[in-house]
Amino acid sequence: MVAQVPVVVLAGFLGAGKTTVLNQLLRAATDVRLGVVVNDFGAVGIDALLVAGWADSTVSLENGCLCCTTADGSVDELLTTLTRRPGPPLDAVVIEASGVAEPSAMVRRVLASAVPGVSYGGLVVAVDAVEFDATRGRHPVVADHVRTADVVLLTKTDLVGPAAVEAVATTCRALNPWAPVVPAARGAVDPRLLFDSPPPRQRQLALGEVVADDAGGPGRDHAGHLHAFYDAVEFTADDPLDPRAFVAFLDARPSGVFRIKGFVHFAVRGHEQRHVLHAVGAAVRFTVGAWPRGRPRRTEIVCIGAGLDAEELLAGLRACVRTGDLLDDEMAMMGVLRTTEAG
């Protein structure tokens, strides 16, 4: 199966801190090669990273990332430019939407992309913890942006007190009950919430890894670390899953779950291949392939998000497990087949 490059759309109203978030992602990309699409190079802090000149509206950065600019929303052309360049492949692409753009329009462009090897990686909306209420009063459409988000980043939380942060977070959760709401003081967000970290390259640190200083050691408080703001819940099952129950779980999954990925073994005769699952927000995609030789057929799933109720998630997944004989009902797989791509 060809690896898919996730395309993450980063949106937010003017001044919400999108570019700060983008710069922090670029600084954190020690082991991830990012392709970045921006409206204007000027605001992206590339000066210290720049090692190659301008080339067809694309800038190469010293950490292996690429940055290109667009003013007309020609997403497919830029995705082709980024993903078809010579050299090592990209691990992810981030598109920074204009502050006055309609995020859902950019999401539709990504979902409709005809570029092979790319997939939708989610809509991340930056919300200014200082100005959100005032901005929403002047521009009610900002509330719609939050409603459509797969992840909400609360920026500038370092500029207001905890009570104000919680008030904005509560408003965002009311607008979008299931999207993770993640603090992002100074634009810092752990990239592992948004896309996978590959194995370390050479001597570089793994993405987001924190080097322990002299104050480190057992008992050190990790509450302020980026990884403290997201959760990962793992589930395994040796017995196969009932596909109807699992599709129902995906459709009504608990709030806070942004990504679900893993391998699924379904309990339907004739459909016992390995189903690889990638779910980002409301977008669900399966691909089908053979089980690796010598490996047991078992379901292995990871749910990633913020504020997850692990017991609720695990209980919902356990309820999908089927013991006993395989199903002979071909129609049981229809919900899975609707979102299955060729492997």
C-alpha atoms as a PDB file:
ATOM      1  CA  MET A   1       0.000   0.000   0.000  1.00  0.00           C
ATOM      2  CA  VAL A   2       1.344   3.422  -0.980  1.00  0.00           C
ATOM      3  CA  ALA A   3       1.791   5.708   2.014  1.00  0.00           C
ATOM      4  CA  GLN A   4      -0.605   8.649   2.010  1.00  0.00           C
ATOM      5  CA  VAL A   5       0.622  12.178   2.748  1.00  0.00           C
ATOM      6  CA  PRO A   6      -1.883  13.869   5.071  1.00  0.00           C
ATOM      7  CA  VAL A   7      -2.870  17.418   4.120  1.00  0.00           C
ATOM      8  CA  VAL A   8      -3.808  19.507   7.162  1.00  0.00           C
ATOM      9  CA  VAL A   9      -5.706  22.779   6.665  1.00  0.00           C
ATOM     10  CA  LEU A  10      -4.765  25.438   9.231  1.00  0.00           C
ATOM     11  CA  ALA A  11      -7.385  28.184   9.485  1.00  0.00           C
ATOM     12  CA  GLY A  12      -8.438  30.987  11.809  1.00  0.00           C
ATOM     13  CA  PHE A  13      -9.601  34.565  11.625  1.00  0.00           C
ATOM     14  CA  LEU A  14      -7.186  37.437  11.028  1.00  0.00           C
ATOM     15  CA  GLY A  15      -4.783  37.769  13.944  1.00  0.00           C
ATOM     16  CA  ALA A  16      -5.692  34.427  15.516  1.00  0.00           C
ATOM     17  CA  GLY A  17      -2.062  33.258  15.383  1.00  0.00           C
ATOM     18  CA  LYS A  18      -2.043  30.856  12.429  1.00  0.00           C
ATOM     19  CA  THR A  19       1.392  31.913  11.233  1.00  0.00           C
ATOM     20  CA  THR A  20       2.801  31.617  14.759  1.00  0.00           C
ATOM     21  CA  VAL A  21       1.456  28.060  14.916  1.00  0.00           C
ATOM     22  CA  LEU A  22       2.938  27.336  11.494  1.00  0.00           C
ATOM     23  CA  ASN A  23       6.352  28.677  12.501  1.00  0.00           C
ATOM     24  CA  GLN A  24       6.290  26.562  15.659  1.00  0.00           C
ATOM     25  CA  LEU A  25       5.460  23.476  13.589  1.00  0.00           C
ATOM     26  CA  LEU A  26       8.388  24.231  11.284  1.00  0.00           C
ATOM     27  CA  ARG A  27      10.739  24.645  14.244  1.00  0.00           C
ATOM     28  CA  ALA A  28       9.511  21.364  15.714  1.00  0.00           C
ATOM     29  CA  ALA A  29       9.943  19.455  12.450  1.00  0.00           C
ATOM     30  CA  THR A  30      13.278  17.931  13.391  1.00  0.00           C
ATOM     31  CA  ASP A  31      12.233  14.536  12.067  1.00  0.00           C
ATOM     32  CA  VAL A  32       9.298  15.405   9.852  1.00  0.00           C
ATOM     33  CA  ARG A  33       9.503  16.762   6.320  1.00  0.00           C
ATOM     34  CA  LEU A  34       6.654  19.199   5.923  1.00  0.00           C
ATOM     35  CA  GLY A  35       5.273  20.761   2.801  1.00  0.00           C
ATOM     36  CA  VAL A  36       3.776  24.156   3.619  1.00  0.00           C
ATOM     37  CA  VAL A  37       1.401  26.200   1.470  1.00  0.00           C
ATOM     38  CA  VAL A  38       0.985  29.833   2.549  1.00  0.00           C
ATOM     39  CA  ASN A  39      -0.650  32.909   1.089  1.00  0.00           C
ATOM     40  CA  ASP A  40       2.459  35.019   1.572  1.00  0.00           C
ATOM     41  CA  PHE A  41       6.036  34.073   2.454  1.00  0.00           C
ATOM     42  CA  GLY A  42       6.518  37.385   4.221  1.00  0.00           C
ATOM     43  CA  ALA A  43       4.988  36.410   7.557  1.00  0.00           C
ATOM     44  CA  VAL A  44       6.584  32.963   7.730  1.00  0.00           C
ATOM     45  CA  GLY A  45       9.846  33.124   9.644  1.00  0.00           C
ATOM     46  CA  ILE A  46      11.957  31.416   7.044  1.00  0.00           C
ATOM     47  CA  ASP A  47      14.973  33.728   7.045  1.00  0.00           C
ATOM     48  CA  ALA A  48      16.954  31.671   9.546  1.00  0.00           C
ATOM     49  CA  LEU A  49      15.892  28.414   7.902  1.00  0.00           C
ATOM     50  CA  LEU A  50      16.459  29.376   4.284  1.00  0.00           C
ATOM     51  CA  VAL A  51      19.257  27.470   2.571  1.00  0.00           C
ATOM     52  CA  ALA A  52      18.099  27.590  -1.034  1.00  0.00           C
ATOM     53  CA  GLY A  53      16.765  30.446  -3.127  1.00  0.00           C
ATOM     54  CA  TRP A  54      13.387  30.950  -4.666  1.00  0.00           C
ATOM     55  CA  ALA A  55      12.501  28.333  -7.253  1.00  0.00           C
ATOM     56  CA  ASP A  56       9.119  28.215  -8.938  1.00  0.00           C
ATOM     57  CA  SER A  57       7.485  29.879  -5.909  1.00  0.00           C
ATOM     58  CA  THR A  58       8.971  27.227  -3.621  1.00  0.00           C
ATOM     59  CA  VAL A  59      11.477  27.702  -0.818  1.00  0.00           C
ATOM     60  CA  SER A  60      13.586  24.867   0.593  1.00  0.00           C
ATOM     61  CA  LEU A  61      14.246  24.942   4.320  1.00  0.00           C
ATOM     62  CA  GLU A  62      17.255  23.511   6.108  1.00  0.00           C
ATOM     63  CA  ASN A  63      15.177  21.039   8.125  1.00  0.00           C
ATOM     64  CA  GLY A  64      14.018  19.283   4.954  1.00  0.00           C
ATOM     65  CA  CYS A  65      10.710  21.151   4.728  1.00  0.00           C
ATOM     66  CA  LEU A  66       9.400  22.960   1.683  1.00  0.00           C
ATOM     67  CA  CYS A  67       7.348  26.139   1.554  1.00  0.00           C
ATOM     68  CA  CYS A  68       5.384  27.473  -1.397  1.00  0.00           C
ATOM     69  CA  THR A  69       2.982  30.331  -1.885  1.00  0.00           C
ATOM     70  CA  THR A  70      -0.416  30.686  -3.501  1.00  0.00           C
ATOM     71  CA  ALA A  71      -2.813  33.515  -4.089  1.00  0.00           C
ATOM     72  CA  ASP A  72      -5.412  31.756  -6.210  1.00  0.00           C
ATOM     73  CA  GLY A  73      -6.157  28.577  -4.260  1.00  0.00           C
ATOM     74  CA  SER A  74      -4.718  26.262  -6.934  1.00  0.00           C
ATOM     75  CA  VAL A  75      -4.372  23.438  -4.439  1.00  0.00           C
ATOM     76  CA  ASP A  76      -3.831  20.510  -6.804  1.00  0.00           C
ATOM     77  CA  GLU A  77      -1.001  22.233  -8.671  1.00  0.00           C
ATOM     78  CA  LEU A  78       0.789  23.055  -5.420  1.00  0.00           C
ATOM     79  CA  LEU A  79       0.238  19.597  -3.930  1.00  0.00           C
ATOM     80  CA  THR A  80       1.698  18.116  -7.088  1.00  0.00           C
ATOM     81  CA  THR A  81       4.691  20.477  -6.862  1.00  0.00           C
ATOM     82  CA  LEU A  82       5.314  19.537  -3.242  1.00  0.00           C
ATOM     83  CA  THR A  83       4.773  15.785  -3.441  1.00  0.00           C
ATOM     84  CA  ARG A  84       6.446  15.125  -6.796  1.00  0.00           C
ATOM     85  CA  ARG A  85       9.752  16.906  -6.157  1.00  0.00           C
ATOM     86  CA  PRO A  86      12.970  14.849  -6.324  1.00  0.00           C
ATOM     87  CA  GLY A  87      14.386  13.692  -3.025  1.00  0.00           C
ATOM     88  CA  PRO A  88      12.907  12.221   0.145  1.00  0.00           C
ATOM     89  CA  PRO A  89       9.111  12.204   0.321  1.00  0.00           C
ATOM     90  CA  LEU A  90       7.170  14.552   2.541  1.00  0.00           C
ATOM     91  CA  ASP A  91       5.562  13.275   5.740  1.00  0.00           C
ATOM     92  CA  ALA A  92       2.746  15.850   5.782  1.00  0.00           C
ATOM     93  CA  VAL A  93       1.510  19.042   4.133  1.00  0.00           C
ATOM     94  CA  VAL A  94       0.078  22.044   5.989  1.00  0.00           C
ATOM     95  CA  ILE A  95      -2.024  24.588   4.097  1.00  0.00           C
ATOM     96  CA  GLU A  96      -2.408  27.918   5.873  1.00  0.00           C
ATOM     97  CA  ALA A  97      -5.734  29.359   4.799  1.00  0.00           C
ATOM     98  CA  SER A  98      -6.148  33.097   4.516  1.00  0.00           C
ATOM     99  CA  GLY A  99      -7.609  34.797   7.574  1.00  0.00           C
ATOM    100  CA  VAL A 100     -10.584  35.934   5.501  1.00  0.00           C
ATOM    101  CA  ALA A 101     -11.001  32.647   3.643  1.00  0.00           C
ATOM    102  CA  GLU A 102     -13.826  30.185   4.200  1.00  0.00           C
ATOM    103  CA  PRO A 103     -12.085  27.128   5.741  1.00  0.00           C
ATOM    104  CA  SER A 104     -14.692  24.669   4.498  1.00  0.00           C
ATOM    105  CA  ALA A 105     -13.974  25.746   0.910  1.00  0.00           C
ATOM    106  CA  MET A 106     -10.297  24.837   1.329  1.00  0.00           C
ATOM    107  CA  VAL A 107     -11.284  21.531   2.945  1.00  0.00           C
ATOM    108  CA  ARG A 108     -13.485  20.729  -0.055  1.00  0.00           C
ATOM    109  CA  ARG A 109     -10.551  21.416  -2.388  1.00  0.00           C
ATOM    110  CA  VAL A 110      -8.385  18.973  -0.457  1.00  0.00           C
ATOM    111  CA  LEU A 111     -11.104  16.311  -0.288  1.00  0.00           C
ATOM    112  CA  ALA A 112     -11.682  16.675  -4.035  1.00  0.00           C
ATOM    113  CA  SER A 113      -7.985  16.624  -4.888  1.00  0.00           C
ATOM    114  CA  ALA A 114      -7.010  14.393  -7.778  1.00  0.00           C
ATOM    115  CA  VAL A 115      -3.333  14.262  -6.735  1.00  0.00           C
ATOM    116  CA  PRO A 116      -2.377  10.620  -6.057  1.00  0.00           C
ATOM    117  CA  GLY A 117      -0.921   9.807  -2.675  1.00  0.00           C
ATOM    118  CA  VAL A 118      -2.448  12.647  -0.641  1.00  0.00           C
ATOM    119  CA  SER A 119      -5.286  12.434   1.868  1.00  0.00           C
ATOM    120  CA  TYR A 120      -7.244  14.858   3.987  1.00  0.00           C
ATOM    121  CA  GLY A 121      -5.514  15.382   7.333  1.00  0.00           C
ATOM    122  CA  GLY A 122      -8.105  17.519   9.103  1.00  0.00           C
ATOM    123  CA  LEU A 123      -9.159  21.130   9.661  1.00  0.00           C
ATOM    124  CA  VAL A 124      -7.325  22.882  12.501  1.00  0.00           C
ATOM    125  CA  VAL A 125      -8.838  26.212  13.535  1.00  0.00           C
ATOM    126  CA  ALA A 126      -6.866  28.699  15.628  1.00  0.00           C
ATOM    127  CA  VAL A 127      -8.974  30.658  18.133  1.00  0.00           C
ATOM    128  CA  ASP A 128      -7.611  33.796  19.781  1.00  0.00           C
ATOM    129  CA  ALA A 129      -8.250  33.385  23.523  1.00  0.00           C
ATOM    130  CA  VAL A 130      -7.957  37.160  23.985  1.00  0.00           C
ATOM    131  CA  GLU A 131     -10.212  38.420  21.197  1.00  0.00           C
ATOM    132  CA  PHE A 132     -12.542  35.527  20.401  1.00  0.00           C
ATOM    133  CA  ASP A 133     -15.704  36.907  22.033  1.00  0.00           C
ATOM    134  CA  ALA A 134     -15.231  40.367  20.499  1.00  0.00           C
ATOM    135  CA  THR A 135     -14.368  38.915  17.078  1.00  0.00           C
ATOM    136  CA  ARG A 136     -17.369  36.598  17.160  1.00  0.00           C
ATOM    137  CA  GLY A 137     -19.588  39.593  17.961  1.00  0.00           C
ATOM    138  CA  ARG A 138     -18.319  41.510  14.926  1.00  0.00           C
ATOM    139  CA  HIS A 139     -18.028  38.503  12.623  1.00  0.00           C
ATOM    140  CA  PRO A 140     -20.518  35.732  13.546  1.00  0.00           C
ATOM    141  CA  VAL A 141     -19.082  33.517  10.790  1.00  0.00           C
ATOM    142  CA  VAL A 142     -16.149  32.803  13.121  1.00  0.00           C
ATOM    143  CA  ALA A 143     -18.475  30.590  15.149  1.00  0.00           C
ATOM    144  CA  ASP A 144     -19.128  28.536  12.000  1.00  0.00           C
ATOM    145  CA  HIS A 145     -15.383  28.057  11.580  1.00  0.00           C
ATOM    146  CA  VAL A 146     -15.223  26.535  15.054  1.00  0.00           C
ATOM    147  CA  ARG A 147     -18.237  24.333  14.322  1.00  0.00           C
ATOM    148  CA  THR A 148     -16.522  22.803  11.271  1.00  0.00           C
ATOM    149  CA  ALA A 149     -13.113  22.275  12.936  1.00  0.00           C
ATOM    150  CA  ASP A 150     -11.594  18.871  13.564  1.00  0.00           C
ATOM    151  CA  VAL A 151      -9.253  20.425  16.158  1.00  0.00           C
ATOM    152  CA  VAL A 152      -9.549  23.808  17.898  1.00  0.00           C
ATOM    153  CA  LEU A 153      -6.284  25.449  19.005  1.00  0.00           C
ATOM    154  CA  LEU A 154      -6.610  28.096  21.715  1.00  0.00           C
ATOM    155  CA  THR A 155      -3.842  30.576  20.976  1.00  0.00           C
ATOM    156  CA  LYS A 156      -2.546  33.417  23.171  1.00  0.00           C
ATOM    157  CA  THR A 157      -3.585  31.564  26.318  1.00  0.00           C
ATOM    158  CA  ASP A 158      -0.433  32.973  27.951  1.00  0.00           C
ATOM    159  CA  LEU A 159      -1.954  36.456  27.728  1.00  0.00           C
ATOM    160  CA  VAL A 160      -5.096  35.767  29.780  1.00  0.00           C
ATOM    161  CA  GLY A 161      -5.853  34.055  33.063  1.00  0.00           C
ATOM    162  CA  PRO A 162      -7.032  30.453  33.543  1.00  0.00           C
ATOM    163  CA  ALA A 163     -10.654  31.501  34.062  1.00  0.00           C
ATOM    164  CA  ALA A 164     -10.718  33.376  30.744  1.00  0.00           C
ATOM    165  CA  VAL A 165      -9.105  30.420  28.948  1.00  0.00           C
ATOM    166  CA  GLU A 166     -11.683  28.037  30.372  1.00  0.00           C
ATOM    167  CA  ALA A 167     -14.516  30.377  29.391  1.00  0.00           C
ATOM    168  CA  VAL A 168     -13.348  30.464  25.758  1.00  0.00           C
ATOM    169  CA  ALA A 169     -12.793  26.692  25.777  1.00  0.00           C
ATOM    170  CA  THR A 170     -16.324  26.169  27.121  1.00  0.00           C
ATOM    171  CA  THR A 171     -17.745  28.333  24.342  1.00  0.00           C
ATOM    172  CA  CYS A 172     -15.808  26.390  21.717  1.00  0.00           C
ATOM    173  CA  ARG A 173     -16.985  23.065  23.133  1.00  0.00           C
ATOM    174  CA  ALA A 174     -20.574  24.298  23.039  1.00  0.00           C
ATOM    175  CA  LEU A 175     -20.138  25.237  19.366  1.00  0.00           C
ATOM    176  CA  ASN A 176     -18.365  21.980  18.514  1.00  0.00           C
ATOM    177  CA  PRO A 177     -18.937  19.313  21.184  1.00  0.00           C
ATOM    178  CA  TRP A 178     -16.685  16.625  19.754  1.00  0.00           C
ATOM    179  CA  ALA A 179     -13.572  18.459  18.484  1.00  0.00           C
ATOM    180  CA  PRO A 180     -10.557  18.502  20.821  1.00  0.00           C
ATOM    181  CA  VAL A 181      -9.911  21.977  22.261  1.00  0.00           C
ATOM    182  CA  VAL A 182      -6.156  22.257  22.820  1.00  0.00           C
ATOM    183  CA  PRO A 183      -4.216  25.124  24.468  1.00  0.00           C
ATOM    184  CA  ALA A 184      -1.481  26.508  22.209  1.00  0.00           C
ATOM    185  CA  ALA A 185       0.307  29.242  24.151  1.00  0.00           C
ATOM    186  CA  ARG A 186       2.696  31.111  21.840  1.00  0.00           C
ATOM    187  CA  GLY A 187       1.449  28.900  19.010  1.00  0.00           C
ATOM    188  CA  ALA A 188       3.057  25.738  20.372  1.00  0.00           C
ATOM    189  CA  VAL A 189       1.223  22.496  19.613  1.00  0.00           C
ATOM    190  CA  ASP A 190       2.603  18.984  19.659  1.00  0.00           C
ATOM    191  CA  PRO A 191       2.735  17.940  15.970  1.00  0.00           C
ATOM    192  CA  ARG A 192       1.962  14.348  16.977  1.00  0.00           C
ATOM    193  CA  LEU A 193      -1.626  15.428  17.546  1.00  0.00           C
ATOM    194  CA  LEU A 194      -1.864  16.422  13.878  1.00  0.00           C
ATOM    195  CA  PHE A 195       0.269  13.867  12.036  1.00  0.00           C
ATOM    196  CA  ASP A 196       2.490  10.879  12.634  1.00  0.00           C
ATOM    197  CA  SER A 197       6.136  11.063  13.575  1.00  0.00           C
ATOM    198  CA  PRO A 198       8.322   8.710  11.510  1.00  0.00           C
ATOM    199  CA  PRO A 199      11.318   6.856  12.990  1.00  0.00           C
ATOM    200  CA  PRO A 200      14.193   9.233  13.859  1.00  0.00           C
ATOM    201  CA  ARG A 201      16.497  10.079  10.971  1.00  0.00           C
ATOM    202  CA  GLN A 202      20.182   9.716  11.737  1.00  0.00           C
ATOM    203  CA  ARG A 203      20.968  11.535  14.993  1.00  0.00           C
ATOM    204  CA  GLN A 204      18.006  13.908  15.048  1.00  0.00           C
ATOM    205  CA  LEU A 205      15.551  13.862  17.927  1.00  0.00           C
ATOM    206  CA  ALA A 206      12.132  12.332  17.455  1.00  0.00           C
ATOM    207  CA  LEU A 207       9.417  14.881  16.742  1.00  0.00           C
ATOM    208  CA  GLY A 208       8.395  16.718  19.876  1.00  0.00           C
ATOM    209  CA  GLU A 209      10.937  14.933  22.039  1.00  0.00           C
ATOM    210  CA  VAL A 210      11.990  16.932  25.095  1.00  0.00           C
ATOM    211  CA  VAL A 211      15.620  16.658  26.180  1.00  0.00           C
ATOM    212  CA  ALA A 212      15.825  16.249  29.940  1.00  0.00           C
ATOM    213  CA  ASP A 213      17.843  18.964  31.649  1.00  0.00           C
ATOM    214  CA  ASP A 214      19.559  18.854  35.008  1.00  0.00           C
ATOM    215  CA  ALA A 215      16.208  19.203  36.730  1.00  0.00           C
ATOM    216  CA  GLY A 216      14.856  16.103  35.045  1.00  0.00           C
ATOM    217  CA  GLY A 217      14.368  12.737  36.531  1.00  0.00           C
ATOM    218  CA  PRO A 218      11.712  10.756  38.344  1.00  0.00           C
ATOM    219  CA  GLY A 219       8.859  12.772  39.753  1.00  0.00           C
ATOM    220  CA  ARG A 220       9.380  15.736  37.437  1.00  0.00           C
ATOM    221  CA  ASP A 221       6.165  17.605  36.666  1.00  0.00           C
ATOM    222  CA  HIS A 222       5.184  17.049  33.014  1.00  0.00           C
ATOM    223  CA  ALA A 223       1.922  18.975  33.147  1.00  0.00           C
ATOM    224  CA  GLY A 224       3.368  21.853  31.121  1.00  0.00           C
ATOM    225  CA  HIS A 225       4.752  19.688  28.319  1.00  0.00           C
ATOM    226  CA  LEU A 226       3.023  19.726  24.959  1.00  0.00           C
ATOM    227  CA  HIS A 227       2.275  16.022  25.145  1.00  0.00           C
ATOM    228  CA  ALA A 228       0.246  16.656  28.318  1.00  0.00           C
ATOM    229  CA  PHE A 229      -2.440  18.310  26.184  1.00  0.00           C
ATOM    230  CA  TYR A 230      -3.353  15.304  24.069  1.00  0.00           C
ATOM    231  CA  ASP A 231      -4.169  11.688  24.788  1.00  0.00           C
ATOM    232  CA  ALA A 232      -3.641   8.411  22.978  1.00  0.00           C
ATOM    233  CA  VAL A 233      -5.852   5.437  23.829  1.00  0.00           C
ATOM    234  CA  GLU A 234      -4.830   2.021  22.497  1.00  0.00           C
ATOM    235  CA  PHE A 235      -7.163  -0.918  21.881  1.00  0.00           C
ATOM    236  CA  THR A 236      -6.403  -4.478  20.781  1.00  0.00           C
ATOM    237  CA  ALA A 237      -8.684  -7.466  20.223  1.00  0.00           C
ATOM    238  CA  ASP A 238      -7.852 -11.015  19.198  1.00  0.00           C
ATOM    239  CA  ASP A 239     -11.462 -11.706  18.192  1.00  0.00           C
ATOM    240  CA  PRO A 240     -12.727  -9.920  15.049  1.00  0.00           C
ATOM    241  CA  LEU A 241     -15.086  -6.931  15.091  1.00  0.00           C
ATOM    242  CA  ASP A 242     -18.689  -6.750  13.988  1.00  0.00           C
ATOM    243  CA  PRO A 243     -18.551  -4.244  11.087  1.00  0.00           C
ATOM    244  CA  ARG A 244     -21.999  -2.762  11.724  1.00  0.00           C
ATOM    245  CA  ALA A 245     -21.183  -2.108  15.363  1.00  0.00           C
ATOM    246  CA  PHE A 246     -17.794  -0.641  14.473  1.00  0.00           C
ATOM    247  CA  VAL A 247     -19.190   1.722  11.826  1.00  0.00           C
ATOM    248  CA  ALA A 248     -21.798   2.852  14.381  1.00  0.00           C
ATOM    249  CA  PHE A 249     -18.970   3.488  16.856  1.00  0.00           C
ATOM    250  CA  LEU A 250     -17.089   5.597  14.282  1.00  0.00           C
ATOM    251  CA  ASP A 251     -20.211   7.578  13.431  1.00  0.00           C
ATOM    252  CA  ALA A 252     -20.944   8.377  17.081  1.00  0.00           C
ATOM    253  CA  ARG A 253     -17.475   8.340  18.593  1.00  0.00           C
ATOM    254  CA  PRO A 254     -16.999  10.240  21.848  1.00  0.00           C
ATOM    255  CA  SER A 255     -16.048  13.900  21.879  1.00  0.00           C
ATOM    256  CA  GLY A 256     -12.394  14.866  21.749  1.00  0.00           C
ATOM    257  CA  VAL A 257     -11.321  12.132  19.326  1.00  0.00           C
ATOM    258  CA  PHE A 258      -9.491  13.703  16.377  1.00  0.00           C
ATOM    259  CA  ARG A 259      -7.735  10.745  14.793  1.00  0.00           C
ATOM    260  CA  ILE A 260      -8.268   6.994  14.802  1.00  0.00           C
ATOM    261  CA  LYS A 261      -5.798   4.732  13.049  1.00  0.00           C
ATOM    262  CA  GLY A 262      -4.854   1.088  13.020  1.00  0.00           C
ATOM    263  CA  PHE A 263      -5.630  -2.356  11.652  1.00  0.00           C
ATOM    264  CA  VAL A 264      -9.059  -3.985  11.831  1.00  0.00           C
ATOM    265  CA  HIS A 265     -10.062  -7.640  11.504  1.00  0.00           C
ATOM    266  CA  PHE A 266     -13.754  -7.953  10.603  1.00  0.00           C
ATOM    267  CA  ALA A 267     -15.958 -10.938  11.451  1.00  0.00           C
ATOM    268  CA  VAL A 268     -17.446 -11.428   7.974  1.00  0.00           C
ATOM    269  CA  ARG A 269     -16.597 -14.427   5.861  1.00  0.00           C
ATOM    270  CA  GLY A 270     -14.846 -13.385   2.651  1.00  0.00           C
ATOM    271  CA  HIS A 271     -13.706 -10.070   4.163  1.00  0.00           C
ATOM    272  CA  GLU A 272     -11.009 -11.326   6.469  1.00  0.00           C
ATOM    273  CA  GLN A 273      -8.207  -9.266   4.917  1.00  0.00           C
ATOM    274  CA  ARG A 274      -6.461  -6.594   6.976  1.00  0.00           C
ATOM    275  CA  HIS A 275      -8.426  -3.341   6.866  1.00  0.00           C
ATOM    276  CA  VAL A 276      -6.186  -0.333   7.516  1.00  0.00           C
ATOM    277  CA  LEU A 277      -8.159   2.481   9.114  1.00  0.00           C
ATOM    278  CA  HIS A 278      -7.434   6.222   8.987  1.00  0.00           C
ATOM    279  CA  ALA A 279     -10.094   8.499  10.477  1.00  0.00           C
ATOM    280  CA  VAL A 280      -9.544  12.255  10.765  1.00  0.00           C
ATOM    281  CA  GLY A 281     -12.443  14.223  12.149  1.00  0.00           C
ATOM    282  CA  ALA A 282     -15.515  13.128  10.225  1.00  0.00           C
ATOM    283  CA  ALA A 283     -13.450  11.688   7.330  1.00  0.00           C
ATOM    284  CA  VAL A 284     -13.043   7.897   7.494  1.00  0.00           C
ATOM    285  CA  ARG A 285     -10.932   5.864   5.074  1.00  0.00           C
ATOM    286  CA  PHE A 286     -10.193   2.128   4.902  1.00  0.00           C
ATOM    287  CA  THR A 287      -7.705   0.382   2.647  1.00  0.00           C
ATOM    288  CA  VAL A 288      -7.519  -3.377   2.294  1.00  0.00           C
ATOM    289  CA  GLY A 289      -4.465  -5.596   2.094  1.00  0.00           C
ATOM    290  CA  ALA A 290      -3.017  -8.924   3.143  1.00  0.00           C
ATOM    291  CA  TRP A 291      -2.051  -9.665   6.716  1.00  0.00           C
ATOM    292  CA  PRO A 292       1.744  -9.801   7.147  1.00  0.00           C
ATOM    293  CA  ARG A 293       3.053 -13.347   7.000  1.00  0.00           C
ATOM    294  CA  GLY A 294       3.600 -14.822  10.436  1.00  0.00           C
ATOM    295  CA  ARG A 295       1.632 -12.082  12.219  1.00  0.00           C
ATOM    296  CA  PRO A 296      -1.638 -12.875  14.015  1.00  0.00           C
ATOM    297  CA  ARG A 297      -4.871 -11.472  12.661  1.00  0.00           C
ATOM    298  CA  ARG A 298      -5.895  -9.019  15.346  1.00  0.00           C
ATOM    299  CA  THR A 299      -7.391  -5.562  15.637  1.00  0.00           C
ATOM    300  CA  GLU A 300      -4.995  -2.850  16.803  1.00  0.00           C
ATOM    301  CA  ILE A 301      -6.347   0.704  17.049  1.00  0.00           C
ATOM    302  CA  VAL A 302      -5.067   3.994  18.459  1.00  0.00           C
ATOM    303  CA  CYS A 303      -7.415   6.905  19.212  1.00  0.00           C
ATOM    304  CA  ILE A 304      -5.759  10.337  19.465  1.00  0.00           C
ATOM    305  CA  GLY A 305      -7.332  13.515  20.781  1.00  0.00           C
ATOM    306  CA  ALA A 306      -7.690  15.766  23.789  1.00  0.00           C
ATOM    307  CA  GLY A 307      -9.698  15.283  26.972  1.00  0.00           C
ATOM    308  CA  LEU A 308     -10.504  11.684  26.064  1.00  0.00           C
ATOM    309  CA  ASP A 309     -12.465   9.421  28.384  1.00  0.00           C
ATOM    310  CA  ALA A 310     -10.378   6.270  27.983  1.00  0.00           C
ATOM    311  CA  GLU A 311     -12.890   3.985  29.689  1.00  0.00           C
ATOM    312  CA  GLU A 312     -15.750   5.246  27.529  1.00  0.00           C
ATOM    313  CA  LEU A 313     -13.693   4.736  24.371  1.00  0.00           C
ATOM    314  CA  LEU A 314     -12.540   1.267  25.341  1.00  0.00           C
ATOM    315  CA  ALA A 315     -16.048   0.220  26.373  1.00  0.00           C
ATOM    316  CA  GLY A 316     -17.380   1.343  22.992  1.00  0.00           C
ATOM    317  CA  LEU A 317     -14.685  -0.591  21.152  1.00  0.00           C
ATOM    318  CA  ARG A 318     -15.119  -3.711  23.257  1.00  0.00           C
ATOM    319  CA  ALA A 319     -18.813  -3.675  22.393  1.00  0.00           C
ATOM    320  CA  CYS A 320     -17.806  -4.101  18.721  1.00  0.00           C
ATOM    321  CA  VAL A 321     -15.992  -7.395  19.332  1.00  0.00           C
ATOM    322  CA  ARG A 322     -17.778 -10.508  18.068  1.00  0.00           C
ATOM    323  CA  THR A 323     -17.045 -13.954  19.447  1.00  0.00           C
ATOM    324  CA  GLY A 324     -18.103 -17.196  17.821  1.00  0.00           C
ATOM    325  CA  ASP A 325     -18.655 -17.927  14.141  1.00  0.00           C
ATOM    326  CA  LEU A 326     -17.993 -15.443  11.367  1.00  0.00           C
ATOM    327  CA  LEU A 327     -20.957 -13.660   9.808  1.00  0.00           C
ATOM    328  CA  ASP A 328     -22.133 -14.829   6.391  1.00  0.00           C
ATOM    329  CA  ASP A 329     -24.044 -11.579   5.793  1.00  0.00           C
ATOM    330  CA  GLU A 330     -22.385  -9.698   2.927  1.00  0.00           C
ATOM    331  CA  MET A 331     -24.542  -6.652   3.641  1.00  0.00           C
ATOM    332  CA  ALA A 332     -22.890  -6.285   7.054  1.00  0.00           C
ATOM    333  CA  MET A 333     -19.836  -4.821   5.304  1.00  0.00           C
ATOM    334  CA  MET A 334     -21.670  -2.099   3.375  1.00  0.00           C
ATOM    335  CA  GLY A 335     -20.798   0.654   5.852  1.00  0.00           C
ATOM    336  CA  VAL A 336     -17.113  -0.258   5.609  1.00  0.00           C
ATOM    337  CA  LEU A 337     -17.097  -0.704   1.848  1.00  0.00           C
ATOM    338  CA  ARG A 338     -18.515   2.798   1.302  1.00  0.00           C
ATOM    339  CA  THR A 339     -15.288   4.265   2.687  1.00  0.00           C
ATOM    340  CA  THR A 340     -12.817   1.684   1.360  1.00  0.00           C
ATOM    341  CA  GLU A 341     -10.159   2.580  -1.196  1.00  0.00           C
ATOM    342  CA  ALA A 342      -8.161   0.164  -3.297  1.00  0.00           C
ATOM    343  CA  GLY A 343      -5.004  -0.911  -1.539  1.00  0.00           C
END
